[in-house]
Amino acid sequence: MAEVATSPYMKREEIENIHPVSDRARQRAEAAGLFPRRVKLAPHIPAWPRSDVAAWQADPNAWAKRA
């Protein structure tokens, strides 16, 4: 069987399962450097780099302290 390619980005639905807060709270966390910043895939379609979210999940404190 062929493997399904995983997108390098996570859309809002996936992020809401991982980080269940309001979008505004998530935006504040992004601005404060406490959560990975979103990118725009298209107008009104934000996404988060999967590698950044994985790094945040592995150690949120280290993510916040990164330079």
C-alpha atoms as a PDB file:
ATOM      1  CA  MET A   1       0.000   0.000   0.000  1.00  0.00           C
ATOM      2  CA  ALA A   2       1.143   3.507  -0.716  1.00  0.00           C
ATOM      3  CA  GLU A   3       1.698   5.754   2.272  1.00  0.00           C
ATOM      4  CA  VAL A   4      -0.256   8.954   2.543  1.00  0.00           C
ATOM      5  CA  ALA A   5       2.031  11.955   2.439  1.00  0.00           C
ATOM      6  CA  THR A   6       1.848  14.039   5.603  1.00  0.00           C
ATOM      7  CA  SER A   7       1.591  17.747   5.053  1.00  0.00           C
ATOM      8  CA  PRO A   8       4.381  19.829   6.558  1.00  0.00           C
ATOM      9  CA  TYR A   9       1.627  22.065   7.974  1.00  0.00           C
ATOM     10  CA  MET A  10      -1.147  21.523  10.473  1.00  0.00           C
ATOM     11  CA  LYS A  11      -4.486  23.208   9.869  1.00  0.00           C
ATOM     12  CA  ARG A  12      -6.712  24.713  12.541  1.00  0.00           C
ATOM     13  CA  GLU A  13      -8.681  21.482  13.147  1.00  0.00           C
ATOM     14  CA  GLU A  14      -5.524  19.566  14.109  1.00  0.00           C
ATOM     15  CA  ILE A  15      -4.206  22.419  16.232  1.00  0.00           C
ATOM     16  CA  GLU A  16      -7.486  22.690  18.143  1.00  0.00           C
ATOM     17  CA  ASN A  17      -7.082  19.042  19.212  1.00  0.00           C
ATOM     18  CA  ILE A  18      -3.537  19.699  20.445  1.00  0.00           C
ATOM     19  CA  HIS A  19      -3.958  23.181  21.931  1.00  0.00           C
ATOM     20  CA  PRO A  20      -7.654  23.538  22.900  1.00  0.00           C
ATOM     21  CA  VAL A  21      -7.913  27.269  23.568  1.00  0.00           C
ATOM     22  CA  SER A  22      -9.667  30.068  21.735  1.00  0.00           C
ATOM     23  CA  ASP A  23      -8.091  31.376  18.562  1.00  0.00           C
ATOM     24  CA  ARG A  24      -7.466  34.730  20.253  1.00  0.00           C
ATOM     25  CA  ALA A  25      -5.661  33.059  23.176  1.00  0.00           C
ATOM     26  CA  ARG A  26      -3.555  31.101  20.684  1.00  0.00           C
ATOM     27  CA  GLN A  27      -2.683  34.337  18.850  1.00  0.00           C
ATOM     28  CA  ARG A  28      -1.552  35.910  22.141  1.00  0.00           C
ATOM     29  CA  ALA A  29       0.583  32.837  22.889  1.00  0.00           C
ATOM     30  CA  GLU A  30       2.134  33.113  19.407  1.00  0.00           C
ATOM     31  CA  ALA A  31       2.882  36.805  19.908  1.00  0.00           C
ATOM     32  CA  ALA A  32       4.490  36.077  23.288  1.00  0.00           C
ATOM     33  CA  GLY A  33       6.617  33.291  21.788  1.00  0.00           C
ATOM     34  CA  LEU A  34       4.845  30.586  23.791  1.00  0.00           C
ATOM     35  CA  PHE A  35       3.391  28.745  20.786  1.00  0.00           C
ATOM     36  CA  PRO A  36       4.578  28.375  17.163  1.00  0.00           C
ATOM     37  CA  ARG A  37       3.524  31.164  14.829  1.00  0.00           C
ATOM     38  CA  ARG A  38       0.956  30.484  12.155  1.00  0.00           C
ATOM     39  CA  VAL A  39       1.563  30.969   8.453  1.00  0.00           C
ATOM     40  CA  LYS A  40      -1.026  31.708   5.793  1.00  0.00           C
ATOM     41  CA  LEU A  41      -1.525  28.984   3.230  1.00  0.00           C
ATOM     42  CA  ALA A  42      -4.186  31.107   1.548  1.00  0.00           C
ATOM     43  CA  PRO A  43      -6.421  33.996   2.604  1.00  0.00           C
ATOM     44  CA  HIS A  44      -8.352  32.881   5.706  1.00  0.00           C
ATOM     45  CA  ILE A  45      -6.481  29.545   5.905  1.00  0.00           C
ATOM     46  CA  PRO A  46      -3.880  29.604   8.671  1.00  0.00           C
ATOM     47  CA  ALA A  47      -1.590  26.667   9.338  1.00  0.00           C
ATOM     48  CA  TRP A  48       1.262  25.875  11.680  1.00  0.00           C
ATOM     49  CA  PRO A  49       4.534  24.209  10.704  1.00  0.00           C
ATOM     50  CA  ARG A  50       4.253  20.582  11.856  1.00  0.00           C
ATOM     51  CA  SER A  51       7.919  20.470  12.947  1.00  0.00           C
ATOM     52  CA  ASP A  52       7.487  23.570  15.140  1.00  0.00           C
ATOM     53  CA  VAL A  53       4.354  22.157  16.780  1.00  0.00           C
ATOM     54  CA  ALA A  54       6.128  18.839  17.415  1.00  0.00           C
ATOM     55  CA  ALA A  55       9.027  20.692  19.060  1.00  0.00           C
ATOM     56  CA  TRP A  56       6.559  22.680  21.184  1.00  0.00           C
ATOM     57  CA  GLN A  57       4.753  19.475  22.213  1.00  0.00           C
ATOM     58  CA  ALA A  58       8.015  17.777  23.173  1.00  0.00           C
ATOM     59  CA  ASP A  59       9.026  20.602  25.527  1.00  0.00           C
ATOM     60  CA  PRO A  60       6.855  23.732  25.790  1.00  0.00           C
ATOM     61  CA  ASN A  61       9.230  25.349  28.297  1.00  0.00           C
ATOM     62  CA  ALA A  62      12.239  24.963  26.010  1.00  0.00           C
ATOM     63  CA  TRP A  63      10.156  26.337  23.139  1.00  0.00           C
ATOM     64  CA  ALA A  64       9.395  29.470  25.153  1.00  0.00           C
ATOM     65  CA  LYS A  65      13.078  29.931  26.080  1.00  0.00           C
ATOM     66  CA  ARG A  66      14.533  29.435  22.587  1.00  0.00           C
ATOM     67  CA  ALA A  67      16.496  32.328  21.130  1.00  0.00           C
END
